[in-house]
Amino acid sequence: MITQFLCRLTRPLPQPPKMRRQIMIERKFTLPKLAGNLYVTDLDGTLLNTEGKLSTSAIKRLNFLLPRMNITFATAREYAAAMPPLAQLDINLPLVVANGAFIYDPETGSPIEACYHSQATLIYLDALFRQCYPLTPHVHTRIANRDIVIFYPESLSDGGKYYADHAQNPERFRLLPGPVAKAKLDNLYAGDVYCINLIDSYSVLLPIYEELKNKSELFILFQQELYRPEWWLAVYPATAHKGLALNKLKNLIPGIKRVITFGDTDNDLPLLTASDYGIAVANASDVLKTKANLVIGANYEEAVINYLWHEYLTNYPD
């Protein structure tokens, strides 16, 4: 485990060009019974409990509300990781995954809209990581219409090893042989790359974050993992955040007049900012609570579902 690694740039790096944005299909979704409000909730730390799951009662209540209210989800999880805790829900609206890199159609299980890093951006990031980080990044990419995570298992941090050992759907992993120092660009960054993630300690990742945080073509998430001590530095295209994804989502669903959002961490700030009414759970970060219009109970109290239930009983009685 590396305890300290300072980034020292030894040569100029190419600047990242404009990101690539791809619209997959054009499809308009019809509203369920009650139109007007759209409710969008984050998953981990917000809707899900401390085990990253939904209780039996939560599933029952949500399945009652889903055909009656406009409810969907916006998560940093990829689609394959987001669906297990939602598997028993009758989802009928598009959902935002991978922090906004994708909007998925729940009926087909395919992306409606996606954005990816350009090849020049990947060259820039690869050069930076080779100078500033001796271990493997986790490269999240789409190959042959599948989400794949590429990395070198011989060059993992302790946090990276935990992720590899405990991730849902490990069949997504493409493990490359040898040390990451011998990585070839076309192997590590194969396919259409939408996120590059580094998992390590705060002190190790901070210099890289400082180098990347002001790049206009990137959206950076730098935060502690919710269930672990490690920090994650996730590098997305600038268009891949929940706020922009919410604006795209509204264009897919006609008749929306008001958007209410729920979140817990700083990566939910764009989501709350882009909505008409932002709600933080009690366990949210101080920054998010300050920006929210309302603070409700904690995720482990099923506060989001309680709020939705109250909204239904108050505004939409049968």
Protein backbone atom coordinates (compact mmCIF):
# COMPACT_ATOMS: atom_id res chain seq x y z
CA MET A 1 0.00 0.00 0.00
CA ILE A 2 1.38 3.37 -1.00
CA THR A 3 1.21 5.90 1.83
CA GLN A 4 2.44 8.97 -0.02
CA PHE A 5 3.11 9.77 -3.66
CA LEU A 6 3.61 13.32 -4.87
CA CYS A 7 2.81 14.21 -8.45
CA ARG A 8 5.68 15.89 -10.26
CA LEU A 9 5.08 16.64 -13.92
CA THR A 10 8.31 16.26 -15.83
CA ARG A 11 7.09 17.29 -19.27
CA PRO A 12 4.14 19.22 -20.75
CA LEU A 13 1.04 17.15 -21.32
CA PRO A 14 -1.36 17.56 -24.25
CA GLN A 15 -4.52 19.37 -23.32
CA PRO A 16 -7.76 17.40 -23.57
CA PRO A 17 -9.95 18.30 -26.54
CA LYS A 18 -13.72 18.50 -26.67
CA MET A 19 -15.47 15.45 -25.29
CA ARG A 20 -17.49 13.13 -27.48
CA ARG A 21 -21.25 12.99 -26.94
CA GLN A 22 -23.42 10.29 -28.44
CA ILE A 23 -27.19 10.11 -28.60
CA MET A 24 -28.14 6.46 -28.89
CA ILE A 25 -31.83 6.59 -29.79
CA GLU A 26 -34.74 8.99 -29.81
CA ARG A 27 -37.64 7.90 -27.64
CA LYS A 28 -40.23 9.82 -25.68
CA PHE A 29 -41.60 8.31 -22.50
CA THR A 30 -45.19 8.81 -21.44
CA LEU A 31 -46.03 9.77 -17.89
CA PRO A 32 -47.82 7.39 -15.57
CA LYS A 33 -51.19 8.20 -14.05
CA LEU A 34 -50.25 11.44 -12.29
CA ALA A 35 -48.36 14.05 -14.29
CA GLY A 36 -46.56 17.21 -13.23
CA ASN A 37 -43.91 16.39 -10.64
CA LEU A 38 -40.81 14.29 -11.33
CA TYR A 39 -39.02 12.79 -8.32
CA VAL A 40 -35.38 11.78 -8.84
CA THR A 41 -33.40 10.11 -6.07
CA ASP A 42 -29.82 9.04 -5.63
CA LEU A 43 -29.30 5.45 -4.47
CA ASP A 44 -26.36 4.85 -2.09
CA GLY A 45 -26.69 6.80 1.13
CA THR A 46 -30.02 8.26 0.03
CA LEU A 47 -32.68 5.76 -1.04
CA LEU A 48 -30.78 2.58 -0.11
CA ASN A 49 -30.09 1.60 3.49
CA THR A 50 -26.64 1.31 5.07
CA GLU A 51 -26.22 -2.13 3.47
CA GLY A 52 -26.88 -0.70 0.01
CA LYS A 53 -30.25 -2.44 -0.23
CA LEU A 54 -34.00 -1.84 -0.04
CA SER A 55 -36.03 -3.48 2.71
CA THR A 56 -39.07 -5.61 1.90
CA SER A 57 -41.38 -2.84 3.10
CA ALA A 58 -39.50 -0.24 1.03
CA ILE A 59 -39.91 -2.36 -2.11
CA LYS A 60 -43.62 -2.83 -1.41
CA ARG A 61 -44.24 0.89 -0.90
CA LEU A 62 -42.18 1.92 -3.94
CA ASN A 63 -44.01 -0.54 -6.18
CA PHE A 64 -47.28 1.01 -5.04
CA LEU A 65 -46.00 4.51 -5.85
CA LEU A 66 -44.16 3.87 -9.12
CA PRO A 67 -47.25 3.52 -11.37
CA ARG A 68 -48.91 6.48 -9.63
CA MET A 69 -46.06 9.01 -9.42
CA ASN A 70 -43.15 9.95 -11.66
CA ILE A 71 -40.19 8.45 -9.78
CA THR A 72 -36.78 7.56 -11.12
CA PHE A 73 -33.15 7.26 -10.02
CA ALA A 74 -29.79 8.97 -10.58
CA THR A 75 -26.74 7.09 -9.36
CA ALA A 76 -22.98 6.97 -9.72
CA ARG A 77 -23.33 3.20 -10.08
CA GLU A 78 -23.14 1.67 -13.52
CA TYR A 79 -26.30 0.07 -14.86
CA ALA A 80 -25.17 -3.47 -14.00
CA ALA A 81 -24.41 -2.43 -10.41
CA ALA A 82 -27.51 -0.25 -10.04
CA MET A 83 -30.04 -2.89 -11.03
CA PRO A 84 -29.52 -5.55 -8.30
CA PRO A 85 -30.98 -3.41 -5.47
CA LEU A 86 -33.71 -2.20 -7.86
CA ALA A 87 -34.46 -5.59 -9.40
CA GLN A 88 -37.82 -6.03 -7.65
CA LEU A 89 -39.09 -2.57 -8.61
CA ASP A 90 -41.43 -1.90 -11.52
CA ILE A 91 -39.39 0.96 -12.99
CA ASN A 92 -41.18 2.72 -15.84
CA LEU A 93 -39.08 5.84 -16.50
CA PRO A 94 -35.50 6.25 -17.76
CA LEU A 95 -32.81 6.27 -15.10
CA VAL A 96 -29.46 8.06 -14.85
CA VAL A 97 -26.41 5.88 -14.19
CA ALA A 98 -22.62 6.22 -14.08
CA ASN A 99 -23.02 9.69 -12.57
CA GLY A 100 -24.80 10.95 -15.68
CA ALA A 101 -22.64 9.36 -18.37
CA PHE A 102 -25.69 7.32 -19.41
CA ILE A 103 -29.45 7.50 -19.41
CA TYR A 104 -30.91 3.99 -19.65
CA ASP A 105 -34.23 2.69 -20.89
CA PRO A 106 -35.42 0.27 -18.18
CA GLU A 107 -37.57 -1.61 -20.68
CA THR A 108 -34.76 -2.52 -23.07
CA GLY A 109 -31.80 -2.30 -20.67
CA SER A 110 -30.00 -0.18 -23.26
CA PRO A 111 -28.61 3.38 -23.10
CA ILE A 112 -30.69 6.14 -24.61
CA GLU A 113 -27.89 8.66 -24.36
CA ALA A 114 -24.18 8.41 -23.56
CA CYS A 115 -21.01 10.49 -23.46
CA TYR A 116 -17.42 9.27 -23.70
CA HIS A 117 -13.85 10.49 -23.42
CA SER A 118 -12.12 11.31 -26.70
CA GLN A 119 -8.95 9.49 -27.73
CA ALA A 120 -6.86 12.62 -27.21
CA THR A 121 -8.21 12.97 -23.66
CA LEU A 122 -7.28 9.35 -22.96
CA ILE A 123 -3.73 10.00 -24.19
CA TYR A 124 -3.52 13.02 -21.90
CA LEU A 125 -4.81 11.11 -18.87
CA ASP A 126 -2.61 8.10 -19.54
CA ALA A 127 0.47 10.32 -19.64
CA LEU A 128 -0.54 11.99 -16.38
CA PHE A 129 -1.19 8.73 -14.58
CA ARG A 130 2.11 7.24 -15.74
CA GLN A 131 3.92 10.18 -14.15
CA CYS A 132 1.80 10.56 -11.03
CA TYR A 133 0.36 7.18 -10.10
CA PRO A 134 2.24 3.86 -10.22
CA LEU A 135 -0.79 1.59 -9.77
CA THR A 136 -3.62 0.64 -12.11
CA PRO A 137 -6.66 2.78 -12.81
CA HIS A 138 -10.01 1.08 -13.26
CA VAL A 139 -11.13 1.93 -16.78
CA HIS A 140 -14.89 1.84 -17.29
CA THR A 141 -15.75 1.36 -20.93
CA ARG A 142 -18.33 -0.05 -23.33
CA ILE A 143 -17.30 -2.82 -25.69
CA ALA A 144 -19.78 -4.63 -27.93
CA ASN A 145 -22.72 -3.02 -26.09
CA ARG A 146 -21.48 -4.21 -22.70
CA ASP A 147 -20.10 -2.33 -19.70
CA ILE A 148 -16.54 -3.52 -19.04
CA VAL A 149 -14.04 -2.59 -16.32
CA ILE A 150 -10.40 -3.00 -17.37
CA PHE A 151 -7.49 -3.07 -14.92
CA TYR A 152 -4.23 -4.79 -13.97
CA PRO A 153 -4.84 -7.01 -10.90
CA GLU A 154 -1.10 -7.17 -10.15
CA SER A 155 -1.03 -3.37 -9.65
CA LEU A 156 -3.96 -2.74 -7.32
CA SER A 157 -4.06 -0.66 -4.15
CA ASP A 158 -5.69 -2.18 -1.06
CA GLY A 159 -8.89 -0.34 -1.91
CA GLY A 160 -8.68 -1.52 -5.50
CA LYS A 161 -8.32 -5.11 -4.30
CA TYR A 162 -11.38 -4.75 -2.09
CA TYR A 163 -13.36 -3.38 -5.03
CA ALA A 164 -12.23 -6.24 -7.26
CA ASP A 165 -13.09 -8.85 -4.63
CA HIS A 166 -16.50 -7.46 -3.65
CA ALA A 167 -17.89 -5.82 -6.79
CA GLN A 168 -21.24 -6.94 -8.11
CA ASN A 169 -21.20 -8.56 -11.54
CA PRO A 170 -17.46 -9.39 -11.63
CA GLU A 171 -18.02 -10.88 -15.08
CA ARG A 172 -17.69 -7.26 -16.28
CA PHE A 173 -13.98 -7.31 -15.41
CA ARG A 174 -11.30 -7.62 -18.05
CA LEU A 175 -8.07 -8.45 -16.22
CA LEU A 176 -4.83 -7.60 -18.00
CA PRO A 177 -1.63 -9.55 -17.27
CA GLY A 178 1.57 -8.07 -15.88
CA PRO A 179 2.29 -4.73 -14.18
CA VAL A 180 0.50 -1.56 -15.22
CA ALA A 181 3.86 0.04 -16.03
CA LYS A 182 3.89 -2.07 -19.20
CA ALA A 183 0.34 -1.15 -20.18
CA LYS A 184 -0.43 -0.38 -23.80
CA LEU A 185 -2.91 2.41 -24.41
CA ASP A 186 -5.11 0.35 -26.72
CA ASN A 187 -5.38 -2.46 -24.18
CA LEU A 188 -6.07 -0.47 -21.02
CA TYR A 189 -8.33 2.12 -22.70
CA ALA A 190 -10.12 -0.16 -25.16
CA GLY A 191 -13.63 0.55 -26.37
CA ASP A 192 -15.63 3.67 -25.55
CA VAL A 193 -14.30 4.92 -22.20
CA TYR A 194 -16.64 6.95 -20.02
CA CYS A 195 -14.91 6.88 -16.62
CA ILE A 196 -11.42 6.30 -15.23
CA ASN A 197 -11.36 5.59 -11.52
CA LEU A 198 -8.45 5.59 -9.07
CA ILE A 199 -8.99 4.02 -5.63
CA ASP A 200 -6.45 4.85 -2.93
CA SER A 201 -5.79 7.03 0.10
CA TYR A 202 -6.59 10.75 0.18
CA SER A 203 -2.92 11.75 0.34
CA VAL A 204 -2.02 9.66 -2.70
CA LEU A 205 -4.87 10.92 -4.88
CA LEU A 206 -4.90 14.58 -3.84
CA PRO A 207 -2.03 15.72 -6.16
CA ILE A 208 -3.77 14.14 -9.15
CA TYR A 209 -7.05 15.78 -8.21
CA GLU A 210 -5.30 19.16 -7.97
CA GLU A 211 -3.89 18.65 -11.46
CA LEU A 212 -7.26 17.72 -12.99
CA LYS A 213 -9.88 19.71 -11.08
CA ASN A 214 -9.80 22.81 -13.31
CA LYS A 215 -9.77 21.02 -16.67
CA SER A 216 -12.85 22.28 -18.47
CA GLU A 217 -13.27 19.09 -20.48
CA LEU A 218 -13.47 16.87 -17.38
CA PHE A 219 -15.87 16.32 -14.52
CA ILE A 220 -14.06 15.05 -11.42
CA LEU A 221 -15.50 13.25 -8.42
CA PHE A 222 -13.11 13.08 -5.48
CA GLN A 223 -14.72 11.67 -2.37
CA GLN A 224 -14.42 8.98 0.25
CA GLU A 225 -16.06 5.68 -0.55
CA LEU A 226 -19.36 5.42 1.32
CA TYR A 227 -18.74 2.02 2.87
CA ARG A 228 -14.92 2.05 3.12
CA PRO A 229 -11.99 4.28 4.23
CA GLU A 230 -10.51 4.65 0.72
CA TRP A 231 -11.03 7.64 -1.54
CA TRP A 232 -12.19 7.45 -5.15
CA LEU A 233 -11.02 9.81 -7.87
CA ALA A 234 -13.38 9.33 -10.81
CA VAL A 235 -12.65 11.14 -14.08
CA TYR A 236 -15.62 11.64 -16.42
CA PRO A 237 -16.22 13.76 -19.52
CA ALA A 238 -17.49 17.21 -18.55
CA THR A 239 -21.00 16.34 -19.75
CA ALA A 240 -21.22 13.32 -17.43
CA HIS A 241 -22.81 14.65 -14.28
CA LYS A 242 -26.24 14.27 -12.78
CA GLY A 243 -27.30 17.87 -13.38
CA LEU A 244 -26.90 17.75 -17.15
CA ALA A 245 -28.38 14.26 -17.22
CA LEU A 246 -31.45 15.57 -15.40
CA ASN A 247 -31.94 18.25 -18.05
CA LYS A 248 -31.73 15.57 -20.77
CA LEU A 249 -34.14 13.39 -18.80
CA LYS A 250 -36.74 16.16 -18.70
CA ASN A 251 -36.59 16.36 -22.50
CA LEU A 252 -37.38 12.66 -22.72
CA ILE A 253 -40.45 12.89 -20.48
CA PRO A 254 -43.08 15.36 -21.75
CA GLY A 255 -45.30 17.26 -19.36
CA ILE A 256 -42.92 17.66 -16.43
CA LYS A 257 -43.56 20.93 -14.57
CA ARG A 258 -41.51 20.51 -11.40
CA VAL A 259 -38.52 18.35 -10.44
CA ILE A 260 -37.80 17.26 -6.86
CA THR A 261 -34.46 15.58 -6.16
CA PHE A 262 -32.86 13.71 -3.25
CA GLY A 263 -29.16 13.24 -2.45
CA ASP A 264 -26.50 12.74 0.19
CA THR A 265 -23.00 13.54 -1.12
CA ASP A 266 -21.28 16.32 -3.02
CA ASN A 267 -21.67 14.50 -6.34
CA ASP A 268 -25.41 15.13 -5.93
CA LEU A 269 -24.89 18.91 -5.93
CA PRO A 270 -25.43 19.23 -9.71
CA LEU A 271 -28.58 17.13 -9.37
CA LEU A 272 -30.06 19.31 -6.64
CA THR A 273 -28.96 22.52 -8.38
CA ALA A 274 -30.66 21.51 -11.63
CA SER A 275 -33.96 20.73 -9.91
CA ASP A 276 -36.76 22.96 -8.66
CA TYR A 277 -36.59 21.59 -5.13
CA GLY A 278 -33.58 19.79 -3.69
CA ILE A 279 -33.77 17.57 -0.62
CA ALA A 280 -30.86 16.24 1.44
CA VAL A 281 -31.10 13.28 3.80
CA ALA A 282 -29.97 13.73 7.41
CA ASN A 283 -26.76 11.77 6.78
CA ALA A 284 -25.81 14.02 3.84
CA SER A 285 -22.63 16.06 3.63
CA ASP A 286 -22.68 19.51 5.23
CA VAL A 287 -22.17 21.09 1.81
CA LEU A 288 -25.22 19.36 0.37
CA LYS A 289 -27.37 20.23 3.39
CA THR A 290 -26.43 23.89 2.97
CA LYS A 291 -27.53 23.88 -0.67
CA ALA A 292 -30.71 21.86 -0.16
CA ASN A 293 -34.17 23.37 0.18
CA LEU A 294 -35.06 20.78 2.80
CA VAL A 295 -33.31 18.25 5.05
CA ILE A 296 -35.31 15.12 5.90
CA GLY A 297 -34.51 11.98 7.90
CA ALA A 298 -31.65 9.58 7.23
CA ASN A 299 -31.38 6.91 4.57
CA TYR A 300 -31.56 4.15 7.20
CA GLU A 301 -34.93 5.56 8.29
CA GLU A 302 -36.29 5.22 4.72
CA ALA A 303 -36.79 8.98 4.76
CA VAL A 304 -37.00 9.35 0.97
CA ILE A 305 -39.76 6.76 0.71
CA ASN A 306 -41.54 8.33 3.68
CA TYR A 307 -41.41 11.70 1.90
CA LEU A 308 -42.73 10.21 -1.35
CA TRP A 309 -45.49 8.43 0.54
CA HIS A 310 -46.52 11.68 2.21
CA GLU A 311 -46.46 13.45 -1.17
CA TYR A 312 -48.80 10.85 -2.61
CA LEU A 313 -51.24 10.92 0.31
CA THR A 314 -51.24 14.73 0.38
CA ASN A 315 -51.39 15.57 -3.31
CA TYR A 316 -52.58 12.49 -5.17
CA PRO A 317 -55.21 10.65 -3.12
CA ASP A 318 -57.10 7.95 -5.00
